[in-house]
PDB file of N, CA and C in Angstrom:
ATOM      1  N   MET A   1     -43.395-126.306  47.772  1.00  0.00           N
ATOM      2  CA  MET A   1     -42.131-125.665  47.517  1.00  0.00           C
ATOM      3  C   MET A   1     -42.130-124.230  48.053  1.00  0.00           C
ATOM      4  N   ALA A   2     -43.258-123.516  47.901  1.00  0.00           N
ATOM      5  CA  ALA A   2     -43.342-122.145  48.382  1.00  0.00           C
ATOM      6  C   ALA A   2     -43.166-122.081  49.886  1.00  0.00           C
ATOM      7  N   ALA A   3     -43.759-123.034  50.597  1.00  0.00           N
ATOM      8  CA  ALA A   3     -43.642-123.045  52.057  1.00  0.00           C
ATOM      9  C   ALA A   3     -42.191-123.211  52.467  1.00  0.00           C
ATOM     10  N   ARG A   4     -41.462-124.011  51.730  1.00  0.00           N
ATOM     11  CA  ARG A   4     -40.055-124.235  52.061  1.00  0.00           C
ATOM     12  C   ARG A   4     -39.252-122.956  51.865  1.00  0.00           C
ATOM     13  N   ARG A   5     -39.501-122.233  50.762  1.00  0.00           N
ATOM     14  CA  ARG A   5     -38.766-120.993  50.505  1.00  0.00           C
ATOM     15  C   ARG A   5     -39.071-119.950  51.568  1.00  0.00           C
ATOM     16  N   LEU A   6     -40.345-119.828  51.936  1.00  0.00           N
ATOM     17  CA  LEU A   6     -40.700-118.877  52.989  1.00  0.00           C
ATOM     18  C   LEU A   6     -40.063-119.280  54.310  1.00  0.00           C
ATOM     19  N   ALA A   7     -40.110-120.554  54.619  1.00  0.00           N
ATOM     20  CA  ALA A   7     -39.591-121.047  55.891  1.00  0.00           C
ATOM     21  C   ALA A   7     -38.083-120.860  55.995  1.00  0.00           C
ATOM     22  N   GLU A   8     -37.404-120.826  54.870  1.00  0.00           N
ATOM     23  CA  GLU A   8     -35.957-120.660  54.882  1.00  0.00           C
ATOM     24  C   GLU A   8     -35.547-119.254  55.313  1.00  0.00           C
ATOM     25  N   THR A   9     -36.404-118.279  55.082  1.00  0.00           N
ATOM     26  CA  THR A   9     -36.007-116.899  55.344  1.00  0.00           C
ATOM     27  C   THR A   9     -36.807-116.229  56.463  1.00  0.00           C
ATOM     28  N   LEU A  10     -37.919-116.836  56.886  1.00  0.00           N
ATOM     29  CA  LEU A  10     -38.788-116.209  57.879  1.00  0.00           C
ATOM     30  C   LEU A  10     -38.986-117.121  59.081  1.00  0.00           C
ATOM     31  N   SER A  11     -39.422-116.532  60.167  1.00  0.00           N
ATOM     32  CA  SER A  11     -39.702-117.336  61.353  1.00  0.00           C
ATOM     33  C   SER A  11     -40.906-118.244  61.094  1.00  0.00           C
ATOM     34  N   ARG A  12     -40.934-119.347  61.803  1.00  0.00           N
ATOM     35  CA  ARG A  12     -42.018-120.321  61.620  1.00  0.00           C
ATOM     36  C   ARG A  12     -43.373-119.688  61.932  1.00  0.00           C
ATOM     37  N   ARG A  13     -43.412-118.891  62.988  1.00  0.00           N
ATOM     38  CA  ARG A  13     -44.680-118.262  63.377  1.00  0.00           C
ATOM     39  C   ARG A  13     -45.188-117.318  62.289  1.00  0.00           C
ATOM     40  N   LEU A  14     -44.286-116.560  61.695  1.00  0.00           N
ATOM     41  CA  LEU A  14     -44.677-115.637  60.633  1.00  0.00           C
ATOM     42  C   LEU A  14     -45.183-116.395  59.410  1.00  0.00           C
ATOM     43  N   VAL A  15     -44.503-117.463  59.043  1.00  0.00           N
ATOM     44  CA  VAL A  15     -44.945-118.281  57.905  1.00  0.00           C
ATOM     45  C   VAL A  15     -46.334-118.857  58.184  1.00  0.00           C
ATOM     46  N   GLU A  16     -46.555-119.345  59.405  1.00  0.00           N
ATOM     47  CA  GLU A  16     -47.869-119.883  59.765  1.00  0.00           C
ATOM     48  C   GLU A  16     -48.938-118.804  59.692  1.00  0.00           C
ATOM     49  N   ASP A  17     -48.623-117.587  60.142  1.00  0.00           N
ATOM     50  CA  ASP A  17     -49.579-116.482  60.053  1.00  0.00           C
ATOM     51  C   ASP A  17     -49.911-116.146  58.600  1.00  0.00           C
ATOM     52  N   ILE A  18     -48.887-116.137  57.753  1.00  0.00           N
ATOM     53  CA  ILE A  18     -49.115-115.843  56.337  1.00  0.00           C
ATOM     54  C   ILE A  18     -50.034-116.889  55.723  1.00  0.00           C
ATOM     55  N   TYR A  19     -49.760-118.165  55.980  1.00  0.00           N
ATOM     56  CA  TYR A  19     -50.596-119.220  55.404  1.00  0.00           C
ATOM     57  C   TYR A  19     -52.007-119.213  55.989  1.00  0.00           C
ATOM     58  N   ARG A  20     -52.125-118.915  57.276  1.00  0.00           N
ATOM     59  CA  ARG A  20     -53.448-118.846  57.903  1.00  0.00           C
ATOM     60  C   ARG A  20     -54.260-117.723  57.262  1.00  0.00           C
ATOM     61  N   CYS A  21     -53.647-116.570  57.095  1.00  0.00           N
ATOM     62  CA  CYS A  21     -54.345-115.442  56.479  1.00  0.00           C
ATOM     63  C   CYS A  21     -54.657-115.704  55.007  1.00  0.00           C
ATOM     64  N   SER A  22     -53.771-116.421  54.330  1.00  0.00           N
ATOM     65  CA  SER A  22     -54.007-116.681  52.905  1.00  0.00           C
ATOM     66  C   SER A  22     -55.151-117.662  52.677  1.00  0.00           C
ATOM     67  N   GLN A  23     -55.539-118.393  53.712  1.00  0.00           N
ATOM     68  CA  GLN A  23     -56.662-119.320  53.586  1.00  0.00           C
ATOM     69  C   GLN A  23     -58.004-118.618  53.734  1.00  0.00           C
ATOM     70  N   LYS A  24     -57.990-117.410  54.258  1.00  0.00           N
ATOM     71  CA  LYS A  24     -59.229-116.642  54.423  1.00  0.00           C
ATOM     72  C   LYS A  24     -59.629-116.028  53.095  1.00  0.00           C
ATOM     73  N   LYS A  25     -60.908-115.869  52.913  1.00  0.00           N
ATOM     74  CA  LYS A  25     -61.421-115.264  51.690  1.00  0.00           C
ATOM     75  C   LYS A  25     -61.303-113.748  51.780  1.00  0.00           C
ATOM     76  N   GLN A  26     -60.895-113.130  50.680  1.00  0.00           N
ATOM     77  CA  GLN A  26     -60.812-111.684  50.623  1.00  0.00           C
ATOM     78  C   GLN A  26     -62.215-111.100  50.491  1.00  0.00           C
ATOM     79  N   THR A  27     -62.445-109.976  51.150  1.00  0.00           N
ATOM     80  CA  THR A  27     -63.741-109.319  51.084  1.00  0.00           C
ATOM     81  C   THR A  27     -63.758-108.383  49.888  1.00  0.00           C
ATOM     82  N   GLY A  28     -64.713-108.580  49.013  1.00  0.00           N
ATOM     83  CA  GLY A  28     -64.835-107.721  47.841  1.00  0.00           C
ATOM     84  C   GLY A  28     -65.465-106.383  48.200  1.00  0.00           C
ATOM     85  N   VAL A  29     -64.960-105.331  47.579  1.00  0.00           N
ATOM     86  CA  VAL A  29     -65.502-103.994  47.788  1.00  0.00           C
ATOM     87  C   VAL A  29     -65.599-103.332  46.424  1.00  0.00           C
ATOM     88  N   SER A  30     -66.794-102.884  46.074  1.00  0.00           N
ATOM     89  CA  SER A  30     -66.977-102.254  44.769  1.00  0.00           C
ATOM     90  C   SER A  30     -66.526-100.796  44.810  1.00  0.00           C
ATOM     91  N   LEU A  31     -66.197-100.274  43.662  1.00  0.00           N
ATOM     92  CA  LEU A  31     -65.802 -98.877  43.553  1.00  0.00           C
ATOM     93  C   LEU A  31     -66.955 -97.970  43.967  1.00  0.00           C
ATOM     94  N   LYS A  32     -68.173 -98.335  43.587  1.00  0.00           N
ATOM     95  CA  LYS A  32     -69.348 -97.551  43.968  1.00  0.00           C
ATOM     96  C   LYS A  32     -69.491 -97.497  45.487  1.00  0.00           C
ATOM     97  N   TYR A  33     -69.293 -98.635  46.146  1.00  0.00           N
ATOM     98  CA  TYR A  33     -69.391 -98.664  47.602  1.00  0.00           C
ATOM     99  C   TYR A  33     -68.342 -97.744  48.232  1.00  0.00           C
ATOM    100  N   MET A  34     -67.120 -97.794  47.716  1.00  0.00           N
ATOM    101  CA  MET A  34     -66.064 -96.940  48.265  1.00  0.00           C
ATOM    102  C   MET A  34     -66.391 -95.466  48.048  1.00  0.00           C
ATOM    103  N   MET A  35     -66.895 -95.142  46.875  1.00  0.00           N
ATOM    104  CA  MET A  35     -67.251 -93.744  46.593  1.00  0.00           C
ATOM    105  C   MET A  35     -68.384 -93.275  47.500  1.00  0.00           C
ATOM    106  N   ASP A  36     -69.408 -94.110  47.658  1.00  0.00           N
ATOM    107  CA  ASP A  36     -70.531 -93.747  48.517  1.00  0.00           C
ATOM    108  C   ASP A  36     -70.096 -93.653  49.976  1.00  0.00           C
ATOM    109  N   PHE A  37     -69.302 -94.590  50.399  1.00  0.00           N
ATOM    110  CA  PHE A  37     -68.856 -94.650  51.789  1.00  0.00           C
ATOM    111  C   PHE A  37     -67.965 -93.464  52.143  1.00  0.00           C
ATOM    112  N   GLY A  38     -67.100 -93.081  51.204  1.00  0.00           N
ATOM    113  CA  GLY A  38     -66.147 -92.012  51.473  1.00  0.00           C
ATOM    114  C   GLY A  38     -66.624 -90.625  51.095  1.00  0.00           C
ATOM    115  N   ALA A  39     -67.824 -90.525  50.538  1.00  0.00           N
ATOM    116  CA  ALA A  39     -68.318 -89.227  50.092  1.00  0.00           C
ATOM    117  C   ALA A  39     -68.476 -88.244  51.249  1.00  0.00           C
ATOM    118  N   PHE A  40     -68.936 -88.726  52.379  1.00  0.00           N
ATOM    119  CA  PHE A  40     -69.145 -87.878  53.551  1.00  0.00           C
ATOM    120  C   PHE A  40     -68.482 -88.539  54.759  1.00  0.00           C
ATOM    121  N   PRO A  41     -67.181 -88.364  54.891  1.00  0.00           N
ATOM    122  CA  PRO A  41     -66.470 -89.050  55.981  1.00  0.00           C
ATOM    123  C   PRO A  41     -66.891 -88.520  57.357  1.00  0.00           C
ATOM    124  N   THR A  42     -67.398 -89.417  58.156  1.00  0.00           N
ATOM    125  CA  THR A  42     -67.746 -89.098  59.530  1.00  0.00           C
ATOM    126  C   THR A  42     -66.782 -89.867  60.431  1.00  0.00           C
ATOM    127  N   ARG A  43     -66.817 -89.562  61.700  1.00  0.00           N
ATOM    128  CA  ARG A  43     -65.953 -90.299  62.629  1.00  0.00           C
ATOM    129  C   ARG A  43     -66.295 -91.783  62.610  1.00  0.00           C
ATOM    130  N   LYS A  44     -67.589 -92.080  62.528  1.00  0.00           N
ATOM    131  CA  LYS A  44     -68.019 -93.479  62.505  1.00  0.00           C
ATOM    132  C   LYS A  44     -67.516 -94.168  61.238  1.00  0.00           C
ATOM    133  N   ASN A  45     -67.657 -93.499  60.086  1.00  0.00           N
ATOM    134  CA  ASN A  45     -67.182 -94.083  58.822  1.00  0.00           C
ATOM    135  C   ASN A  45     -65.672 -94.320  58.853  1.00  0.00           C
ATOM    136  N   LEU A  46     -64.942 -93.379  59.417  1.00  0.00           N
ATOM    137  CA  LEU A  46     -63.485 -93.544  59.514  1.00  0.00           C
ATOM    138  C   LEU A  46     -63.121 -94.715  60.410  1.00  0.00           C
ATOM    139  N   LEU A  47     -63.855 -94.882  61.507  1.00  0.00           N
ATOM    140  CA  LEU A  47     -63.603 -96.005  62.408  1.00  0.00           C
ATOM    141  C   LEU A  47     -63.929 -97.326  61.722  1.00  0.00           C
ATOM    142  N   VAL A  48     -65.057 -97.381  61.038  1.00  0.00           N
ATOM    143  CA  VAL A  48     -65.448 -98.600  60.319  1.00  0.00           C
ATOM    144  C   VAL A  48     -64.413 -98.923  59.246  1.00  0.00           C
ATOM    145  N   SER A  49     -63.952 -97.911  58.544  1.00  0.00           N
ATOM    146  CA  SER A  49     -62.947 -98.110  57.502  1.00  0.00           C
ATOM    147  C   SER A  49     -61.637 -98.629  58.097  1.00  0.00           C
ATOM    148  N   ALA A  50     -61.211 -98.047  59.202  1.00  0.00           N
ATOM    149  CA  ALA A  50     -59.975 -98.489  59.857  1.00  0.00           C
ATOM    150  C   ALA A  50     -60.106 -99.926  60.355  1.00  0.00           C
ATOM    151  N   GLN A  51     -61.256-100.281  60.903  1.00  0.00           N
ATOM    152  CA  GLN A  51     -61.477-101.650  61.381  1.00  0.00           C
ATOM    153  C   GLN A  51     -61.452-102.636  60.213  1.00  0.00           C
ATOM    154  N   PHE A  52     -62.061-102.248  59.103  1.00  0.00           N
ATOM    155  CA  PHE A  52     -62.054-103.106  57.918  1.00  0.00           C
ATOM    156  C   PHE A  52     -60.622-103.330  57.433  1.00  0.00           C
ATOM    157  N   LEU A  53     -59.852-102.257  57.333  1.00  0.00           N
ATOM    158  CA  LEU A  53     -58.464-102.378  56.870  1.00  0.00           C
ATOM    159  C   LEU A  53     -57.622-103.209  57.830  1.00  0.00           C
ATOM    160  N   HIS A  54     -57.840-103.039  59.117  1.00  0.00           N
ATOM    161  CA  HIS A  54     -57.101-103.811  60.118  1.00  0.00           C
ATOM    162  C   HIS A  54     -57.334-105.306  59.930  1.00  0.00           C
ATOM    163  N   LYS A  55     -58.545-105.664  59.550  1.00  0.00           N
ATOM    164  CA  LYS A  55     -58.888-107.070  59.344  1.00  0.00           C
ATOM    165  C   LYS A  55     -58.488-107.558  57.950  1.00  0.00           C
ATOM    166  N   GLU A  56     -58.665-106.724  56.957  1.00  0.00           N
ATOM    167  CA  GLU A  56     -58.536-107.157  55.567  1.00  0.00           C
ATOM    168  C   GLU A  56     -57.109-107.087  55.022  1.00  0.00           C
ATOM    169  N   LEU A  57     -56.323-106.122  55.425  1.00  0.00           N
ATOM    170  CA  LEU A  57     -54.979-105.982  54.855  1.00  0.00           C
ATOM    171  C   LEU A  57     -54.095-107.207  55.050  1.00  0.00           C
ATOM    172  N   PRO A  58     -54.041-107.814  56.240  1.00  0.00           N
ATOM    173  CA  PRO A  58     -53.214-109.025  56.371  1.00  0.00           C
ATOM    174  C   PRO A  58     -53.654-110.141  55.430  1.00  0.00           C
ATOM    175  N   VAL A  59     -54.945-110.259  55.207  1.00  0.00           N
ATOM    176  CA  VAL A  59     -55.464-111.297  54.308  1.00  0.00           C
ATOM    177  C   VAL A  59     -55.004-111.029  52.879  1.00  0.00           C
ATOM    178  N   ARG A  60     -55.172-109.807  52.434  1.00  0.00           N
ATOM    179  CA  ARG A  60     -54.795-109.472  51.054  1.00  0.00           C
ATOM    180  C   ARG A  60     -53.284-109.559  50.833  1.00  0.00           C
ATOM    181  N   LEU A  61     -52.505-109.096  51.800  1.00  0.00           N
ATOM    182  CA  LEU A  61     -51.050-109.187  51.666  1.00  0.00           C
ATOM    183  C   LEU A  61     -50.594-110.641  51.655  1.00  0.00           C
ATOM    184  N   ALA A  62     -51.205-111.470  52.490  1.00  0.00           N
ATOM    185  CA  ALA A  62     -50.849-112.896  52.516  1.00  0.00           C
ATOM    186  C   ALA A  62     -51.179-113.554  51.180  1.00  0.00           C
ATOM    187  N   HIS A  63     -52.303-113.198  50.590  1.00  0.00           N
ATOM    188  CA  HIS A  63     -52.654-113.743  49.275  1.00  0.00           C
ATOM    189  C   HIS A  63     -51.597-113.369  48.237  1.00  0.00           C
ATOM    190  N   ARG A  64     -51.140-112.113  48.267  1.00  0.00           N
ATOM    191  CA  ARG A  64     -50.121-111.684  47.300  1.00  0.00           C
ATOM    192  C   ARG A  64     -48.805-112.430  47.517  1.00  0.00           C
ATOM    193  N   VAL A  65     -48.415-112.619  48.767  1.00  0.00           N
ATOM    194  CA  VAL A  65     -47.170-113.331  49.058  1.00  0.00           C
ATOM    195  C   VAL A  65     -47.241-114.752  48.505  1.00  0.00           C
ATOM    196  N   ILE A  66     -48.329-115.446  48.768  1.00  0.00           N
ATOM    197  CA  ILE A  66     -48.474-116.829  48.297  1.00  0.00           C
ATOM    198  C   ILE A  66     -48.513-116.872  46.770  1.00  0.00           C
ATOM    199  N   GLU A  67     -49.212-115.938  46.149  1.00  0.00           N
ATOM    200  CA  GLU A  67     -49.248-115.905  44.682  1.00  0.00           C
ATOM    201  C   GLU A  67     -47.847-115.684  44.105  1.00  0.00           C
ATOM    202  N   LEU A  68     -47.099-114.767  44.689  1.00  0.00           N
ATOM    203  CA  LEU A  68     -45.745-114.519  44.198  1.00  0.00           C
ATOM    204  C   LEU A  68     -44.832-115.711  44.440  1.00  0.00           C
ATOM    205  N   GLU A  69     -45.006-116.394  45.559  1.00  0.00           N
ATOM    206  CA  GLU A  69     -44.199-117.576  45.857  1.00  0.00           C
ATOM    207  C   GLU A  69     -44.501-118.728  44.899  1.00  0.00           C
ATOM    208  N   ASN A  70     -45.674-118.740  44.307  1.00  0.00           N
ATOM    209  CA  ASN A  70     -46.085-119.847  43.441  1.00  0.00           C
ATOM    210  C   ASN A  70     -46.041-119.506  41.950  1.00  0.00           C
ATOM    211  N   LEU A  71     -45.279-118.489  41.591  1.00  0.00           N
ATOM    212  CA  LEU A  71     -45.154-118.152  40.174  1.00  0.00           C
ATOM    213  C   LEU A  71     -44.464-119.286  39.416  1.00  0.00           C
ATOM    214  N   PRO A  72     -44.843-119.483  38.153  1.00  0.00           N
ATOM    215  CA  PRO A  72     -44.224-120.561  37.373  1.00  0.00           C
ATOM    216  C   PRO A  72     -42.834-120.180  36.857  1.00  0.00           C
ATOM    217  N   TYR A  73     -42.147-121.179  36.330  1.00  0.00           N
ATOM    218  CA  TYR A  73     -40.875-121.011  35.620  1.00  0.00           C
ATOM    219  C   TYR A  73     -39.764-120.410  36.481  1.00  0.00           C
ATOM    220  N   GLY A  74     -39.828-120.607  37.781  1.00  0.00           N
ATOM    221  CA  GLY A  74     -38.781-120.095  38.649  1.00  0.00           C
ATOM    222  C   GLY A  74     -38.789-118.589  38.837  1.00  0.00           C
ATOM    223  N   LEU A  75     -39.874-117.946  38.427  1.00  0.00           N
ATOM    224  CA  LEU A  75     -39.939-116.493  38.548  1.00  0.00           C
ATOM    225  C   LEU A  75     -39.915-116.033  39.994  1.00  0.00           C
ATOM    226  N   SER A  76     -40.442-116.859  40.889  1.00  0.00           N
ATOM    227  CA  SER A  76     -40.482-116.458  42.302  1.00  0.00           C
ATOM    228  C   SER A  76     -39.094-116.415  42.931  1.00  0.00           C
ATOM    229  N   GLU A  77     -38.090-116.916  42.228  1.00  0.00           N
ATOM    230  CA  GLU A  77     -36.725-116.889  42.743  1.00  0.00           C
ATOM    231  C   GLU A  77     -35.905-115.735  42.169  1.00  0.00           C
ATOM    232  N   LYS A  78     -36.495-114.970  41.271  1.00  0.00           N
ATOM    233  CA  LYS A  78     -35.801-113.824  40.676  1.00  0.00           C
ATOM    234  C   LYS A  78     -35.711-112.700  41.700  1.00  0.00           C
ATOM    235  N   ALA A  79     -34.609-111.996  41.688  1.00  0.00           N
ATOM    236  CA  ALA A  79     -34.325-110.962  42.693  1.00  0.00           C
ATOM    237  C   ALA A  79     -35.442-109.915  42.833  1.00  0.00           C
ATOM    238  N   PRO A  80     -35.981-109.384  41.740  1.00  0.00           N
ATOM    239  CA  PRO A  80     -37.043-108.381  41.914  1.00  0.00           C
ATOM    240  C   PRO A  80     -38.295-108.950  42.593  1.00  0.00           C
ATOM    241  N   VAL A  81     -38.632-110.183  42.276  1.00  0.00           N
ATOM    242  CA  VAL A  81     -39.810-110.803  42.884  1.00  0.00           C
ATOM    243  C   VAL A  81     -39.543-111.079  44.363  1.00  0.00           C
ATOM    244  N   VAL A  82     -38.358-111.551  44.675  1.00  0.00           N
ATOM    245  CA  VAL A  82     -37.998-111.791  46.078  1.00  0.00           C
ATOM    246  C   VAL A  82     -38.070-110.480  46.858  1.00  0.00           C
ATOM    247  N   LYS A  83     -37.624-109.402  46.243  1.00  0.00           N
ATOM    248  CA  LYS A  83     -37.671-108.094  46.899  1.00  0.00           C
ATOM    249  C   LYS A  83     -39.115-107.677  47.196  1.00  0.00           C
ATOM    250  N   VAL A  84     -40.017-107.884  46.238  1.00  0.00           N
ATOM    251  CA  VAL A  84     -41.427-107.541  46.439  1.00  0.00           C
ATOM    252  C   VAL A  84     -42.042-108.408  47.530  1.00  0.00           C
ATOM    253  N   ILE A  85     -41.708-109.697  47.525  1.00  0.00           N
ATOM    254  CA  ILE A  85     -42.212-110.594  48.567  1.00  0.00           C
ATOM    255  C   ILE A  85     -41.782-110.096  49.945  1.00  0.00           C
ATOM    256  N   LYS A  86     -40.513-109.726  50.065  1.00  0.00           N
ATOM    257  CA  LYS A  86     -40.018-109.216  51.345  1.00  0.00           C
ATOM    258  C   LYS A  86     -40.740-107.945  51.766  1.00  0.00           C
ATOM    259  N   LEU A  87     -41.034-107.084  50.792  1.00  0.00           N
ATOM    260  CA  LEU A  87     -41.774-105.863  51.119  1.00  0.00           C
ATOM    261  C   LEU A  87     -43.175-106.185  51.624  1.00  0.00           C
ATOM    262  N   TYR A  88     -43.850-107.119  50.970  1.00  0.00           N
ATOM    263  CA  TYR A  88     -45.199-107.513  51.415  1.00  0.00           C
ATOM    264  C   TYR A  88     -45.143-108.129  52.814  1.00  0.00           C
ATOM    265  N   VAL A  89     -44.158-108.955  53.071  1.00  0.00           N
ATOM    266  CA  VAL A  89     -44.038-109.601  54.382  1.00  0.00           C
ATOM    267  C   VAL A  89     -43.751-108.564  55.449  1.00  0.00           C
ATOM    268  N   LYS A  90     -42.895-107.631  55.143  1.00  0.00           N
ATOM    269  CA  LYS A  90     -42.534-106.582  56.109  1.00  0.00           C
ATOM    270  C   LYS A  90     -43.746-105.740  56.446  1.00  0.00           C
TER     271      LYS A  90
END
């Protein structure tokens, strides 16, 4: 049902990208790792961080879109939830 709702409002290619990304596992990052990593920002650390975000953000956003699309009790059809879904997709 979620695929149908997404397909009704988005291009087929975008829906396929969202589902492809949502099938990937999210990479866990501990707070300690982030604190240690960001304590002394170097050019290399900034590049590594940017590369990680470039890879990880589409995966995490796709997971949120699918989770919101699959809410129970018709919640995914409520205007505020639809608005959040559109923001994540955008």
